[in-house]
N, C-alpha and C. Protein backbone atom coordinates (compact mmCIF):
# COMPACT_ATOMS: atom_id res chain seq x y z
N UNK A 1 -117.09 11.93 -100.99
CA UNK A 1 -116.62 10.54 -101.08
C UNK A 1 -115.07 10.95 -101.02
N UNK A 2 -114.37 10.14 -100.10
CA UNK A 2 -113.11 10.21 -99.84
C UNK A 2 -112.12 9.49 -101.03
N UNK A 3 -112.55 8.86 -101.84
CA UNK A 3 -111.97 8.05 -102.85
C UNK A 3 -110.80 9.04 -103.43
N UNK A 4 -109.65 8.60 -103.06
CA UNK A 4 -108.40 9.53 -103.47
C UNK A 4 -107.98 8.77 -104.68
N UNK A 5 -107.77 9.79 -105.63
CA UNK A 5 -107.07 9.12 -106.91
C UNK A 5 -105.77 8.44 -106.66
N UNK A 6 -105.48 7.32 -107.41
CA UNK A 6 -104.29 6.91 -107.23
C UNK A 6 -102.99 7.84 -107.73
N UNK A 7 -101.97 7.61 -107.09
CA UNK A 7 -100.64 8.29 -107.42
C UNK A 7 -100.26 8.00 -108.78
N UNK A 8 -99.76 9.00 -109.50
CA UNK A 8 -98.82 8.72 -110.66
C UNK A 8 -97.71 7.71 -110.42
N UNK A 9 -97.33 7.00 -111.48
CA UNK A 9 -96.17 5.95 -110.98
C UNK A 9 -94.94 6.94 -111.25
N UNK A 10 -94.01 6.58 -110.24
CA UNK A 10 -92.83 7.28 -110.27
C UNK A 10 -92.02 7.17 -111.44
N UNK A 11 -91.24 8.31 -112.00
CA UNK A 11 -90.35 8.26 -113.14
C UNK A 11 -89.02 7.96 -112.91
N UNK A 12 -88.82 8.02 -111.63
CA UNK A 12 -87.29 7.66 -111.12
C UNK A 12 -86.81 6.46 -111.13
N UNK A 13 -87.70 5.56 -111.34
CA UNK A 13 -87.33 3.90 -110.80
C UNK A 13 -86.53 3.57 -111.90
N UNK A 14 -85.62 2.23 -111.57
CA UNK A 14 -84.96 1.60 -112.56
C UNK A 14 -86.01 0.88 -113.78
N UNK A 15 -85.46 0.76 -114.72
CA UNK A 15 -86.44 -0.25 -115.60
C UNK A 15 -86.75 -1.81 -115.04
N UNK A 16 -85.80 -2.41 -114.30
CA UNK A 16 -86.27 -3.61 -113.51
C UNK A 16 -87.29 -3.42 -112.47
N UNK A 17 -87.12 -2.13 -111.52
CA UNK A 17 -88.19 -1.96 -110.65
C UNK A 17 -89.54 -1.68 -111.29
N UNK A 18 -89.51 -0.76 -112.19
CA UNK A 18 -90.80 -0.56 -112.98
C UNK A 18 -91.47 -1.83 -113.65
N UNK A 19 -90.65 -2.62 -114.16
CA UNK A 19 -91.07 -3.79 -114.63
C UNK A 19 -91.74 -4.77 -113.53
N UNK A 20 -91.06 -4.80 -112.53
CA UNK A 20 -91.55 -5.61 -111.22
C UNK A 20 -92.95 -5.18 -110.83
N UNK A 21 -92.84 -3.91 -110.69
CA UNK A 21 -94.09 -2.92 -110.05
C UNK A 21 -95.33 -3.27 -110.92
N UNK A 22 -94.80 -2.92 -112.40
CA UNK A 22 -96.20 -3.08 -113.36
C UNK A 22 -96.66 -4.56 -113.15
N UNK A 23 -95.75 -5.66 -113.28
CA UNK A 23 -96.17 -6.96 -113.29
C UNK A 23 -97.15 -7.25 -112.14
N UNK A 24 -96.70 -6.98 -110.88
CA UNK A 24 -97.21 -7.03 -109.74
C UNK A 24 -98.83 -6.27 -109.70
N UNK A 25 -98.84 -5.28 -110.39
CA UNK A 25 -99.91 -4.40 -110.53
C UNK A 25 -101.01 -5.12 -111.52
N UNK A 26 -100.48 -5.86 -112.70
CA UNK A 26 -101.41 -6.75 -113.57
C UNK A 26 -102.17 -7.82 -112.62
N UNK A 27 -101.08 -8.59 -111.86
CA UNK A 27 -101.38 -9.63 -111.29
C UNK A 27 -102.75 -9.25 -110.20
N UNK A 28 -102.27 -8.16 -109.42
CA UNK A 28 -103.28 -7.68 -108.26
C UNK A 28 -104.55 -7.63 -109.09
N UNK A 29 -104.66 -6.77 -110.24
CA UNK A 29 -105.96 -6.35 -110.94
C UNK A 29 -106.61 -7.78 -111.67
N UNK A 30 -105.84 -8.64 -111.86
CA UNK A 30 -106.47 -9.71 -112.30
C UNK A 30 -107.05 -10.80 -111.30
N UNK A 31 -106.78 -10.32 -109.94
CA UNK A 31 -107.06 -11.17 -108.74
C UNK A 31 -107.95 -10.25 -107.78
N UNK A 32 -108.71 -9.28 -108.17
CA UNK A 32 -109.45 -8.39 -107.31
C UNK A 32 -110.23 -9.32 -106.25
N UNK A 33 -110.72 -10.17 -106.81
CA UNK A 33 -111.81 -11.08 -105.91
C UNK A 33 -111.14 -11.82 -104.84
N UNK A 34 -109.72 -11.71 -104.70
CA UNK A 34 -109.09 -12.29 -103.75
C UNK A 34 -107.94 -11.31 -103.07
N UNK A 35 -107.70 -11.89 -101.72
CA UNK A 35 -106.41 -11.23 -100.98
C UNK A 35 -105.32 -12.09 -101.28
N UNK A 36 -104.42 -11.31 -102.12
CA UNK A 36 -103.26 -12.13 -102.49
C UNK A 36 -102.25 -11.70 -101.37
N UNK A 37 -101.74 -12.49 -100.64
CA UNK A 37 -100.47 -12.57 -99.80
C UNK A 37 -99.17 -12.00 -100.47
N UNK A 38 -98.41 -11.13 -100.01
CA UNK A 38 -97.04 -10.57 -100.73
C UNK A 38 -96.02 -11.64 -100.90
N UNK A 39 -96.08 -12.85 -100.13
CA UNK A 39 -95.28 -13.76 -100.40
C UNK A 39 -95.83 -14.73 -101.80
N UNK A 40 -97.40 -14.54 -101.92
CA UNK A 40 -97.84 -15.50 -103.06
C UNK A 40 -97.31 -14.57 -104.31
N UNK A 41 -97.60 -13.32 -104.32
CA UNK A 41 -97.36 -12.46 -105.42
C UNK A 41 -95.68 -12.41 -105.66
N UNK A 42 -94.88 -12.42 -104.78
CA UNK A 42 -93.34 -12.75 -104.86
C UNK A 42 -93.31 -13.85 -105.80
N UNK A 43 -93.76 -14.93 -105.19
CA UNK A 43 -93.55 -16.43 -106.04
C UNK A 43 -93.97 -16.33 -107.26
N UNK A 44 -95.13 -15.69 -107.54
CA UNK A 44 -95.83 -15.49 -109.02
C UNK A 44 -94.87 -14.81 -110.07
N UNK A 45 -94.27 -13.88 -109.27
CA UNK A 45 -93.20 -13.23 -110.30
C UNK A 45 -91.69 -13.52 -110.04
N UNK A 46 -91.39 -14.70 -109.18
CA UNK A 46 -90.14 -15.05 -109.10
C UNK A 46 -89.30 -14.01 -108.62
N UNK A 47 -89.62 -13.09 -107.46
CA UNK A 47 -88.85 -12.18 -106.80
C UNK A 47 -88.91 -12.43 -105.40
N UNK A 48 -88.21 -11.75 -104.62
CA UNK A 48 -88.46 -12.05 -103.30
C UNK A 48 -89.56 -10.95 -102.84
N UNK A 49 -90.16 -11.32 -101.53
CA UNK A 49 -91.14 -10.27 -101.07
C UNK A 49 -90.61 -8.83 -100.82
N UNK A 50 -89.47 -8.85 -100.10
CA UNK A 50 -88.66 -7.57 -99.93
C UNK A 50 -88.70 -6.86 -101.26
N UNK A 51 -88.17 -7.30 -102.30
CA UNK A 51 -88.08 -6.63 -103.56
C UNK A 51 -89.26 -6.19 -104.36
N UNK A 52 -90.32 -7.20 -103.91
CA UNK A 52 -91.70 -6.83 -104.56
C UNK A 52 -92.17 -5.67 -103.71
N UNK A 53 -92.07 -5.64 -102.65
CA UNK A 53 -92.65 -4.51 -101.65
C UNK A 53 -91.73 -3.13 -102.07
N UNK A 54 -90.54 -3.22 -101.97
CA UNK A 54 -89.65 -1.94 -102.32
C UNK A 54 -90.05 -1.58 -103.79
N UNK A 55 -90.15 -2.32 -104.81
CA UNK A 55 -90.35 -1.86 -106.27
C UNK A 55 -91.64 -1.34 -106.30
N UNK A 56 -92.62 -1.94 -105.65
CA UNK A 56 -94.14 -1.53 -105.67
C UNK A 56 -94.36 -0.01 -105.18
N UNK A 57 -93.67 0.08 -103.71
CA UNK A 57 -93.95 1.32 -103.29
C UNK A 57 -92.97 2.39 -104.00
N UNK A 58 -91.95 2.22 -104.41
CA UNK A 58 -91.13 3.07 -105.04
C UNK A 58 -91.81 3.59 -106.41
N UNK A 59 -92.51 2.62 -107.00
CA UNK A 59 -93.15 3.11 -108.25
C UNK A 59 -94.53 3.55 -108.16
N UNK A 60 -95.18 3.01 -107.48
CA UNK A 60 -96.67 3.58 -107.24
C UNK A 60 -97.12 4.47 -106.14
N UNK A 61 -95.78 4.61 -105.05
CA UNK A 61 -95.99 5.55 -104.06
C UNK A 61 -97.01 5.02 -102.92
N UNK A 62 -97.33 3.62 -102.84
CA UNK A 62 -98.21 3.01 -102.20
C UNK A 62 -97.58 1.63 -101.77
N UNK A 63 -98.03 1.18 -100.37
CA UNK A 63 -97.77 -0.23 -100.18
C UNK A 63 -98.66 -1.12 -100.83
N UNK A 64 -98.31 -2.09 -101.34
CA UNK A 64 -99.18 -3.36 -102.08
C UNK A 64 -100.65 -3.34 -101.51
N UNK A 65 -100.59 -3.62 -100.08
CA UNK A 65 -101.90 -3.78 -99.46
C UNK A 65 -102.89 -2.49 -99.66
N UNK A 66 -102.46 -1.41 -99.76
CA UNK A 66 -103.05 -0.01 -99.58
C UNK A 66 -103.67 -0.11 -101.26
N UNK A 67 -102.84 -0.28 -101.98
CA UNK A 67 -103.04 -0.26 -103.26
C UNK A 67 -104.27 -1.25 -103.70
N UNK A 68 -104.16 -2.50 -103.51
CA UNK A 68 -105.11 -3.41 -103.80
C UNK A 68 -106.40 -3.20 -103.22
N UNK A 69 -106.10 -2.87 -101.95
CA UNK A 69 -107.34 -2.40 -101.09
C UNK A 69 -108.37 -1.40 -101.85
N UNK A 70 -107.44 -0.32 -102.19
CA UNK A 70 -108.44 0.83 -102.85
C UNK A 70 -109.02 0.17 -104.38
N UNK A 71 -108.25 -0.67 -104.85
CA UNK A 71 -108.73 -0.89 -106.40
C UNK A 71 -109.77 -1.91 -105.92
N UNK A 72 -109.93 -2.62 -104.98
CA UNK A 72 -110.80 -3.76 -104.78
C UNK A 72 -112.07 -2.97 -104.42
N UNK A 73 -111.96 -1.86 -103.67
CA UNK A 73 -113.26 -1.18 -102.97
C UNK A 73 -113.65 -0.17 -104.55
N UNK A 74 -112.67 0.33 -105.27
CA UNK A 74 -113.19 0.75 -106.27
C UNK A 74 -114.25 -0.11 -107.29
N UNK A 75 -113.64 -1.33 -107.35
CA UNK A 75 -114.48 -2.08 -108.12
C UNK A 75 -115.97 -2.47 -107.48
N UNK A 76 -115.90 -2.61 -106.17
CA UNK A 76 -117.13 -2.92 -105.41
C UNK A 76 -118.03 -1.66 -105.61
N UNK A 77 -117.48 -0.63 -105.65
CA UNK A 77 -118.24 0.82 -105.60
C UNK A 77 -118.91 0.76 -107.10
N UNK A 78 -118.23 0.49 -108.07
CA UNK A 78 -118.62 0.10 -109.50
C UNK A 78 -119.91 -1.01 -109.55
N UNK A 79 -119.87 -2.01 -108.93
CA UNK A 79 -120.77 -2.84 -108.64
C UNK A 79 -122.12 -2.30 -107.85
N UNK A 80 -121.91 -1.70 -106.88
CA UNK A 80 -123.08 -1.00 -106.14
C UNK A 80 -123.68 -0.13 -107.01
N UNK A 81 -122.83 0.76 -107.99
CA UNK A 81 -123.50 1.60 -108.72
C UNK A 81 -124.24 0.91 -110.08
N UNK A 82 -123.81 -0.49 -110.54
CA UNK A 82 -124.25 -0.76 -111.67
C UNK A 82 -124.99 -2.09 -111.63
N UNK A 83 -125.11 -2.55 -110.60
CA UNK A 83 -125.93 -3.85 -110.22
C UNK A 83 -127.04 -3.82 -109.12
N UNK A 84 -127.70 -4.90 -109.03
CA UNK A 84 -128.60 -4.92 -107.95
C UNK A 84 -128.17 -5.99 -107.10
N UNK A 85 -126.97 -6.55 -107.36
CA UNK A 85 -126.29 -7.37 -106.32
C UNK A 85 -126.48 -6.98 -104.82
N UNK A 86 -126.60 -7.95 -103.77
CA UNK A 86 -126.71 -7.55 -102.55
C UNK A 86 -125.09 -7.10 -102.07
N UNK A 87 -125.09 -6.34 -100.94
CA UNK A 87 -123.69 -5.95 -100.40
C UNK A 87 -122.80 -7.31 -100.06
N UNK A 88 -123.67 -8.36 -99.66
CA UNK A 88 -122.69 -9.42 -99.10
C UNK A 88 -122.29 -10.02 -100.50
N UNK A 89 -123.18 -10.05 -101.50
CA UNK A 89 -122.46 -10.62 -102.94
C UNK A 89 -121.29 -9.93 -103.35
N UNK A 90 -121.60 -8.70 -103.22
CA UNK A 90 -120.43 -7.89 -103.63
C UNK A 90 -119.32 -7.93 -102.85
N UNK A 91 -119.33 -8.13 -101.60
CA UNK A 91 -118.30 -8.19 -100.52
C UNK A 91 -117.38 -9.45 -100.89
N UNK A 92 -118.25 -10.47 -101.25
CA UNK A 92 -117.42 -11.75 -101.87
C UNK A 92 -116.53 -11.51 -103.02
N UNK A 93 -117.24 -10.80 -104.00
CA UNK A 93 -116.46 -10.41 -105.22
C UNK A 93 -115.28 -9.67 -105.05
N UNK A 94 -115.26 -8.79 -103.97
CA UNK A 94 -114.17 -8.04 -103.39
C UNK A 94 -113.02 -8.69 -102.65
N UNK A 95 -113.39 -10.10 -102.28
CA UNK A 95 -112.49 -10.89 -101.57
C UNK A 95 -112.80 -10.82 -100.14
N UNK A 96 -114.08 -10.48 -99.80
CA UNK A 96 -114.17 -10.57 -98.44
C UNK A 96 -115.39 -11.65 -98.16
N UNK A 97 -115.42 -12.70 -97.03
CA UNK A 97 -116.12 -13.62 -96.59
C UNK A 97 -117.08 -12.74 -95.60
N UNK A 98 -116.75 -11.88 -94.86
CA UNK A 98 -117.27 -11.22 -93.74
C UNK A 98 -118.02 -9.86 -94.19
N UNK A 99 -119.17 -9.68 -94.14
CA UNK A 99 -119.78 -8.48 -94.61
C UNK A 99 -119.29 -7.51 -93.79
N UNK A 100 -119.14 -7.23 -92.46
CA UNK A 100 -118.67 -6.24 -91.54
C UNK A 100 -117.38 -5.98 -91.72
N UNK A 101 -116.47 -6.90 -92.10
CA UNK A 101 -115.00 -6.20 -92.36
C UNK A 101 -114.98 -5.74 -93.97
N UNK A 102 -116.02 -6.05 -94.81
CA UNK A 102 -116.17 -5.53 -96.11
C UNK A 102 -116.55 -4.11 -95.88
N UNK A 103 -117.67 -3.90 -94.97
CA UNK A 103 -118.20 -2.55 -94.80
C UNK A 103 -117.02 -1.56 -94.24
N UNK A 104 -116.31 -2.12 -93.25
CA UNK A 104 -115.38 -1.22 -92.60
C UNK A 104 -114.16 -0.83 -93.89
N UNK A 105 -113.86 -1.86 -94.53
CA UNK A 105 -112.88 -1.58 -95.51
C UNK A 105 -113.41 -0.69 -96.53
N UNK A 106 -114.66 -0.66 -96.80
CA UNK A 106 -115.15 0.22 -97.81
C UNK A 106 -115.34 1.58 -97.25
N UNK A 107 -115.65 1.67 -96.08
CA UNK A 107 -115.78 2.96 -95.54
C UNK A 107 -114.53 3.75 -95.28
N UNK A 108 -113.76 2.87 -94.87
CA UNK A 108 -112.25 3.48 -94.71
C UNK A 108 -111.52 3.94 -96.06
N UNK A 109 -111.95 3.16 -97.01
CA UNK A 109 -111.58 3.72 -98.55
C UNK A 109 -112.32 4.63 -99.06
N UNK A 110 -113.43 4.72 -98.98
CA UNK A 110 -114.58 5.66 -99.82
C UNK A 110 -115.05 6.68 -99.05
N UNK A 111 -115.08 6.49 -97.81
CA UNK A 111 -115.54 7.36 -96.65
C UNK A 111 -116.98 7.18 -96.39
N UNK A 112 -117.53 6.34 -96.93
CA UNK A 112 -119.14 6.14 -96.41
C UNK A 112 -119.20 4.54 -96.49
N UNK A 113 -120.48 4.02 -95.84
CA UNK A 113 -120.54 2.44 -95.74
C UNK A 113 -121.07 2.11 -97.26
N UNK A 114 -121.25 1.03 -97.76
CA UNK A 114 -121.47 0.51 -98.79
C UNK A 114 -122.96 0.84 -99.25
N UNK A 115 -123.64 0.81 -98.25
CA UNK A 115 -125.37 1.09 -98.00
C UNK A 115 -125.75 2.60 -98.54
N UNK A 116 -124.57 3.52 -97.75
CA UNK A 116 -124.70 4.96 -97.92
C UNK A 116 -124.47 5.16 -99.21
N UNK A 117 -123.27 4.64 -99.62
CA UNK A 117 -122.91 4.78 -101.19
C UNK A 117 -123.77 4.55 -102.09
N UNK A 118 -124.37 3.41 -101.98
CA UNK A 118 -125.56 3.08 -103.00
C UNK A 118 -126.59 3.99 -102.98
N UNK A 119 -126.99 4.25 -101.80
CA UNK A 119 -128.26 5.11 -101.69
C UNK A 119 -128.05 6.43 -102.31
N UNK A 120 -126.84 6.88 -101.87
CA UNK A 120 -126.42 8.50 -102.56
C UNK A 120 -126.29 8.55 -104.06
N UNK A 121 -125.82 7.32 -104.41
CA UNK A 121 -125.52 7.30 -106.09
C UNK A 121 -127.01 7.15 -106.63
N UNK A 122 -127.82 6.16 -105.97
CA UNK A 122 -129.00 5.98 -106.65
C UNK A 122 -129.76 7.56 -106.57
N UNK A 123 -129.64 8.17 -105.35
CA UNK A 123 -130.35 9.29 -105.19
C UNK A 123 -129.91 10.40 -106.30
N UNK A 124 -128.89 10.41 -106.34
CA UNK A 124 -127.99 11.46 -107.04
C UNK A 124 -128.57 10.96 -108.93
N UNK A 125 -128.64 9.80 -109.30
CA UNK A 125 -129.13 9.59 -110.36
C UNK A 125 -130.72 9.55 -110.64
N UNK A 126 -131.47 9.42 -109.78
CA UNK A 126 -132.90 9.73 -109.77
C UNK A 126 -133.07 11.35 -109.60
N UNK A 127 -132.22 12.00 -109.13
CA UNK A 127 -132.80 13.77 -108.96
C UNK A 127 -131.63 14.44 -109.94
N UNK A 128 -130.92 13.85 -110.54
CA UNK A 128 -129.78 14.63 -111.62
C UNK A 128 -131.05 15.52 -112.65
N UNK A 129 -130.58 16.65 -112.95
CA UNK A 129 -131.21 17.51 -113.95
C UNK A 129 -131.11 16.33 -115.22
N UNK A 130 -132.04 16.68 -116.13
CA UNK A 130 -132.12 15.65 -117.37
C UNK A 130 -130.84 15.96 -118.16
N UNK A 131 -130.41 17.47 -118.12
CA UNK A 131 -129.08 17.52 -118.95
C UNK A 131 -127.91 16.93 -118.54
N UNK A 132 -128.00 16.43 -117.37
CA UNK A 132 -126.87 15.44 -116.77
C UNK A 132 -126.75 14.00 -116.73
N UNK A 133 -128.22 13.72 -117.41
CA UNK A 133 -128.18 12.23 -117.44
C UNK A 133 -127.72 11.92 -118.67
N UNK A 134 -126.86 10.71 -118.42
CA UNK A 134 -126.15 10.20 -119.92
C UNK A 134 -126.97 9.04 -120.36
């Protein structure tokens, strides 16, 4: 699985940059079920789109879109592991109305399709030695 870890927040950002980036991150995490446009995020935080893009990238090391997409796919992966919901239902919860667009995004971030991921996780759980079962 290609799921890279999120980079550590930068330590060399100004206090105001850090505050804007952290507020943006909280809004993103509270709204994983939908795609938030940068303009909407900026309006929510009462800053300019340019300012939010720069602060976020400087602090988290990733563009807002990349960060939110990874977080949505990580949440989708948890649902694939922990529920019997269909892939299309999970796609909707990740903000995708189109299953094929969700599948492509999932593959791009996680390195395999949602179906392959669920199959592999199920197989691993079923075939794990008893000492590894939690």
